[in-house]
Amino acid sequence: MLREAATMRPGARLVTLEDRRELRASHDDTLQLYARVEQAHPDGSRYEYGFVDLLSDTLRTSFDVLAFGELRDGESALALLMALNCGTSGLAFTLHADSARDALSRLEDLVRLSKAPVIRRTISRFVNALLYLEMDDQRRRRVVEMIRVLGVDDDDAYLIQEVA
């Protein structure tokens, strides 16, 4: 996916946020940042620099595309959705789910863990496409399902278009 972003927007600045190096960006202008790193305050006390801290600092930089490593907790999921309302022009993120459609439910579950209400209209504004990948026999990931999120209907159900 990151290779595709580099091809589609060759002059774009890509920033990756992750807790361990998993994303492999071949883009010329890439800044790779890491969360969950232990830091020290000036007084010597220690703290963990988490995804929410990293995302907050990243929003103060200039970037075109943001690639967020795996979403694993509610606080990060909610912060990411709120950050998308700040004019970000491109985002990719990963999470574990059993299908592309199930990824929407998984994202909702993560938001609920943060004790925030799930607002499907907000999710559908920012999540435009979902890809479901599986590992093939050669241990390479390949896209097996792709859907577009078109919005929500009057009953607050997602409007989905199957692409592949």
C-alpha atoms as a PDB file:
ATOM      1  CA  MET A   1       0.000   0.000   0.000  1.00  0.00           C
ATOM      2  CA  LEU A   2       2.821   2.379   0.796  1.00  0.00           C
ATOM      3  CA  ARG A   3       4.441   1.630  -2.551  1.00  0.00           C
ATOM      4  CA  GLU A   4       1.150   2.492  -4.238  1.00  0.00           C
ATOM      5  CA  ALA A   5       0.957   5.795  -2.336  1.00  0.00           C
ATOM      6  CA  ALA A   6       4.477   6.640  -3.491  1.00  0.00           C
ATOM      7  CA  THR A   7       3.534   5.904  -7.096  1.00  0.00           C
ATOM      8  CA  MET A   8       0.311   7.926  -6.991  1.00  0.00           C
ATOM      9  CA  ARG A   9       1.841  10.888  -5.165  1.00  0.00           C
ATOM     10  CA  PRO A  10       5.591  10.878  -5.849  1.00  0.00           C
ATOM     11  CA  GLY A  11       6.233  14.338  -4.383  1.00  0.00           C
ATOM     12  CA  ALA A  12       4.249  13.694  -1.213  1.00  0.00           C
ATOM     13  CA  ARG A  13       5.756  13.615   2.267  1.00  0.00           C
ATOM     14  CA  LEU A  14       4.991  10.293   3.977  1.00  0.00           C
ATOM     15  CA  VAL A  15       5.098   9.902   7.758  1.00  0.00           C
ATOM     16  CA  THR A  16       4.806   6.473   9.358  1.00  0.00           C
ATOM     17  CA  LEU A  17       3.812   5.959  13.002  1.00  0.00           C
ATOM     18  CA  GLU A  18       4.390   2.562  14.563  1.00  0.00           C
ATOM     19  CA  ASP A  19       5.645   0.875  17.711  1.00  0.00           C
ATOM     20  CA  ARG A  20       8.098  -1.427  15.926  1.00  0.00           C
ATOM     21  CA  ARG A  21       9.438  -1.343  12.390  1.00  0.00           C
ATOM     22  CA  GLU A  22       6.933  -3.245  10.273  1.00  0.00           C
ATOM     23  CA  LEU A  23       6.031  -0.782   7.531  1.00  0.00           C
ATOM     24  CA  ARG A  24       8.471  -0.733   4.656  1.00  0.00           C
ATOM     25  CA  ALA A  25       8.289   2.574   2.890  1.00  0.00           C
ATOM     26  CA  SER A  26      10.257   3.009  -0.322  1.00  0.00           C
ATOM     27  CA  HIS A  27       9.094   6.582  -0.762  1.00  0.00           C
ATOM     28  CA  ASP A  28      11.844   9.191  -1.244  1.00  0.00           C
ATOM     29  CA  ASP A  29      10.471  11.609   1.374  1.00  0.00           C
ATOM     30  CA  THR A  30       9.603   9.401   4.360  1.00  0.00           C
ATOM     31  CA  LEU A  31       9.819  10.116   8.060  1.00  0.00           C
ATOM     32  CA  GLN A  32       9.461   7.009  10.236  1.00  0.00           C
ATOM     33  CA  LEU A  33       8.457   7.682  13.852  1.00  0.00           C
ATOM     34  CA  TYR A  34       8.068   5.243  16.743  1.00  0.00           C
ATOM     35  CA  ALA A  35       5.764   5.158  19.753  1.00  0.00           C
ATOM     36  CA  ARG A  36       5.834   3.205  22.987  1.00  0.00           C
ATOM     37  CA  VAL A  37       9.389   4.272  23.600  1.00  0.00           C
ATOM     38  CA  GLU A  38      10.421   4.974  27.155  1.00  0.00           C
ATOM     39  CA  GLN A  39      11.442   8.609  27.633  1.00  0.00           C
ATOM     40  CA  ALA A  40      12.912  10.597  30.510  1.00  0.00           C
ATOM     41  CA  HIS A  41      11.595  13.854  31.967  1.00  0.00           C
ATOM     42  CA  PRO A  42      14.207  16.501  32.884  1.00  0.00           C
ATOM     43  CA  ASP A  43      13.720  15.528  36.552  1.00  0.00           C
ATOM     44  CA  GLY A  44      14.785  11.954  35.746  1.00  0.00           C
ATOM     45  CA  SER A  45      11.350  10.342  35.984  1.00  0.00           C
ATOM     46  CA  ARG A  46      10.384   7.986  33.165  1.00  0.00           C
ATOM     47  CA  TYR A  47       7.284   7.819  30.970  1.00  0.00           C
ATOM     48  CA  GLU A  48       6.091   5.994  27.859  1.00  0.00           C
ATOM     49  CA  TYR A  49       5.772   8.027  24.663  1.00  0.00           C
ATOM     50  CA  GLY A  50       2.615   6.438  23.271  1.00  0.00           C
ATOM     51  CA  PHE A  51       0.734   6.563  19.969  1.00  0.00           C
ATOM     52  CA  VAL A  52      -1.521   9.407  21.086  1.00  0.00           C
ATOM     53  CA  ASP A  53       1.520  11.528  22.030  1.00  0.00           C
ATOM     54  CA  LEU A  54       3.228  10.657  18.751  1.00  0.00           C
ATOM     55  CA  LEU A  55       0.117  11.420  16.707  1.00  0.00           C
ATOM     56  CA  SER A  56      -0.339  14.759  18.469  1.00  0.00           C
ATOM     57  CA  ASP A  57       3.253  15.760  17.719  1.00  0.00           C
ATOM     58  CA  THR A  58       3.023  14.501  14.136  1.00  0.00           C
ATOM     59  CA  LEU A  59       0.020  16.720  13.430  1.00  0.00           C
ATOM     60  CA  ARG A  60       2.309  19.705  14.069  1.00  0.00           C
ATOM     61  CA  THR A  61       4.601  18.676  11.205  1.00  0.00           C
ATOM     62  CA  SER A  62       4.064  19.039   7.495  1.00  0.00           C
ATOM     63  CA  PHE A  63       3.100  15.803   5.791  1.00  0.00           C
ATOM     64  CA  ASP A  64       0.845  14.685   2.967  1.00  0.00           C
ATOM     65  CA  VAL A  65       0.212  11.039   3.796  1.00  0.00           C
ATOM     66  CA  LEU A  66       0.148   9.429   7.232  1.00  0.00           C
ATOM     67  CA  ALA A  67       0.647   5.678   7.663  1.00  0.00           C
ATOM     68  CA  PHE A  68      -0.358   4.507  11.118  1.00  0.00           C
ATOM     69  CA  GLY A  69       0.863   1.088  12.185  1.00  0.00           C
ATOM     70  CA  GLU A  70      -1.543  -1.366  13.723  1.00  0.00           C
ATOM     71  CA  LEU A  71      -4.453   0.055  15.724  1.00  0.00           C
ATOM     72  CA  ARG A  72      -4.572  -1.951  18.947  1.00  0.00           C
ATOM     73  CA  ASP A  73      -6.320   0.179  21.545  1.00  0.00           C
ATOM     74  CA  GLY A  74      -9.288   2.475  21.946  1.00  0.00           C
ATOM     75  CA  GLU A  75      -7.342   5.582  22.878  1.00  0.00           C
ATOM     76  CA  SER A  76      -5.286   5.401  19.669  1.00  0.00           C
ATOM     77  CA  ALA A  77      -8.331   4.624  17.490  1.00  0.00           C
ATOM     78  CA  LEU A  78     -10.258   7.598  18.866  1.00  0.00           C
ATOM     79  CA  ALA A  79      -7.250   9.925  18.563  1.00  0.00           C
ATOM     80  CA  LEU A  80      -6.733   8.831  14.958  1.00  0.00           C
ATOM     81  CA  LEU A  81     -10.375   9.502  14.028  1.00  0.00           C
ATOM     82  CA  MET A  82     -10.220  12.924  15.672  1.00  0.00           C
ATOM     83  CA  ALA A  83      -6.938  13.712  13.903  1.00  0.00           C
ATOM     84  CA  LEU A  84      -8.534  13.001  10.546  1.00  0.00           C
ATOM     85  CA  ASN A  85     -10.778  15.983  11.140  1.00  0.00           C
ATOM     86  CA  CYS A  86      -7.701  18.251  10.990  1.00  0.00           C
ATOM     87  CA  GLY A  87      -7.236  18.332   7.222  1.00  0.00           C
ATOM     88  CA  THR A  88      -5.100  15.235   6.710  1.00  0.00           C
ATOM     89  CA  SER A  89      -5.131  14.466   2.991  1.00  0.00           C
ATOM     90  CA  GLY A  90      -4.178  10.803   3.140  1.00  0.00           C
ATOM     91  CA  LEU A  91      -4.092   8.039   5.708  1.00  0.00           C
ATOM     92  CA  ALA A  92      -3.438   4.323   5.818  1.00  0.00           C
ATOM     93  CA  PHE A  93      -3.707   2.196   8.917  1.00  0.00           C
ATOM     94  CA  THR A  94      -3.775  -1.486   9.773  1.00  0.00           C
ATOM     95  CA  LEU A  95      -5.852  -3.499  12.199  1.00  0.00           C
ATOM     96  CA  HIS A  96      -6.693  -7.143  12.616  1.00  0.00           C
ATOM     97  CA  ALA A  97     -10.122  -8.257  11.371  1.00  0.00           C
ATOM     98  CA  ASP A  98     -11.694 -11.256   9.645  1.00  0.00           C
ATOM     99  CA  SER A  99     -12.814  -9.356   6.519  1.00  0.00           C
ATOM    100  CA  ALA A 100     -12.909  -5.862   5.082  1.00  0.00           C
ATOM    101  CA  ARG A 101     -16.447  -5.364   6.443  1.00  0.00           C
ATOM    102  CA  ASP A 102     -15.415  -6.714   9.826  1.00  0.00           C
ATOM    103  CA  ALA A 103     -12.706  -4.037   9.980  1.00  0.00           C
ATOM    104  CA  LEU A 104     -15.457  -1.424  10.443  1.00  0.00           C
ATOM    105  CA  SER A 105     -16.840  -3.374  13.409  1.00  0.00           C
ATOM    106  CA  ARG A 106     -13.344  -3.789  14.825  1.00  0.00           C
ATOM    107  CA  LEU A 107     -12.711  -0.048  14.536  1.00  0.00           C
ATOM    108  CA  GLU A 108     -16.023   0.628  16.302  1.00  0.00           C
ATOM    109  CA  ASP A 109     -15.066  -1.834  19.066  1.00  0.00           C
ATOM    110  CA  LEU A 110     -11.754  -0.060  19.576  1.00  0.00           C
ATOM    111  CA  VAL A 111     -13.477   3.339  19.809  1.00  0.00           C
ATOM    112  CA  ARG A 112     -15.921   1.894  22.380  1.00  0.00           C
ATOM    113  CA  LEU A 113     -12.952   0.790  24.505  1.00  0.00           C
ATOM    114  CA  SER A 114     -12.058   4.471  24.895  1.00  0.00           C
ATOM    115  CA  LYS A 115     -15.552   5.049  26.391  1.00  0.00           C
ATOM    116  CA  ALA A 116     -16.433   7.346  23.473  1.00  0.00           C
ATOM    117  CA  PRO A 117     -19.626   7.021  21.455  1.00  0.00           C
ATOM    118  CA  VAL A 118     -19.308   5.422  18.037  1.00  0.00           C
ATOM    119  CA  ILE A 119     -20.423   7.878  15.367  1.00  0.00           C
ATOM    120  CA  ARG A 120     -20.720   5.956  12.116  1.00  0.00           C
ATOM    121  CA  ARG A 121     -21.213   9.126  10.085  1.00  0.00           C
ATOM    122  CA  THR A 122     -17.784  10.329  11.266  1.00  0.00           C
ATOM    123  CA  ILE A 123     -16.145   6.972  10.543  1.00  0.00           C
ATOM    124  CA  SER A 124     -17.687   6.869   7.062  1.00  0.00           C
ATOM    125  CA  ARG A 125     -16.397  10.396   6.306  1.00  0.00           C
ATOM    126  CA  PHE A 126     -12.800   9.356   6.873  1.00  0.00           C
ATOM    127  CA  VAL A 127     -12.682   5.645   6.074  1.00  0.00           C
ATOM    128  CA  ASN A 128     -13.189   5.500   2.318  1.00  0.00           C
ATOM    129  CA  ALA A 129     -11.767   2.103   1.385  1.00  0.00           C
ATOM    130  CA  LEU A 130     -10.873  -1.068   3.237  1.00  0.00           C
ATOM    131  CA  LEU A 131      -8.568  -3.782   1.980  1.00  0.00           C
ATOM    132  CA  TYR A 132      -8.482  -7.275   3.436  1.00  0.00           C
ATOM    133  CA  LEU A 133      -5.172  -9.071   2.995  1.00  0.00           C
ATOM    134  CA  GLU A 134      -4.244 -12.704   3.432  1.00  0.00           C
ATOM    135  CA  MET A 135      -0.903 -14.471   3.388  1.00  0.00           C
ATOM    136  CA  ASP A 136      -0.318 -16.694   0.348  1.00  0.00           C
ATOM    137  CA  ASP A 137       1.725 -19.916   0.207  1.00  0.00           C
ATOM    138  CA  GLN A 138       4.928 -17.929  -0.403  1.00  0.00           C
ATOM    139  CA  ARG A 139       4.248 -15.844   2.770  1.00  0.00           C
ATOM    140  CA  ARG A 140       3.405 -12.736   0.752  1.00  0.00           C
ATOM    141  CA  ARG A 141       0.418 -10.598   1.566  1.00  0.00           C
ATOM    142  CA  ARG A 142      -2.170 -10.209  -1.165  1.00  0.00           C
ATOM    143  CA  VAL A 143      -5.450  -8.327  -1.384  1.00  0.00           C
ATOM    144  CA  VAL A 144      -8.418 -10.694  -1.385  1.00  0.00           C
ATOM    145  CA  GLU A 145     -11.221  -8.193  -0.680  1.00  0.00           C
ATOM    146  CA  MET A 146     -11.720  -4.467  -1.192  1.00  0.00           C
ATOM    147  CA  ILE A 147     -14.738  -2.372  -0.277  1.00  0.00           C
ATOM    148  CA  ARG A 148     -15.579   1.326  -0.488  1.00  0.00           C
ATOM    149  CA  VAL A 149     -17.440   3.031   2.327  1.00  0.00           C
ATOM    150  CA  LEU A 150     -19.874   5.460   0.713  1.00  0.00           C
ATOM    151  CA  GLY A 151     -21.482   6.842   3.872  1.00  0.00           C
ATOM    152  CA  VAL A 152     -24.362   5.788   6.098  1.00  0.00           C
ATOM    153  CA  ASP A 153     -28.076   5.523   5.374  1.00  0.00           C
ATOM    154  CA  ASP A 154     -30.996   6.932   7.390  1.00  0.00           C
ATOM    155  CA  ASP A 155     -30.845   3.895   9.706  1.00  0.00           C
ATOM    156  CA  ASP A 156     -27.126   4.542  10.402  1.00  0.00           C
ATOM    157  CA  ALA A 157     -26.014   1.450   8.475  1.00  0.00           C
ATOM    158  CA  TYR A 158     -22.863   1.716   6.398  1.00  0.00           C
ATOM    159  CA  LEU A 159     -23.343   2.046   2.645  1.00  0.00           C
ATOM    160  CA  ILE A 160     -20.803  -0.368   1.170  1.00  0.00           C
ATOM    161  CA  GLN A 161     -19.695  -0.983  -2.402  1.00  0.00           C
ATOM    162  CA  GLU A 162     -17.749  -4.150  -3.098  1.00  0.00           C
ATOM    163  CA  VAL A 163     -14.820  -3.371  -5.385  1.00  0.00           C
ATOM    164  CA  ALA A 164     -12.943  -6.679  -5.424  1.00  0.00           C
END
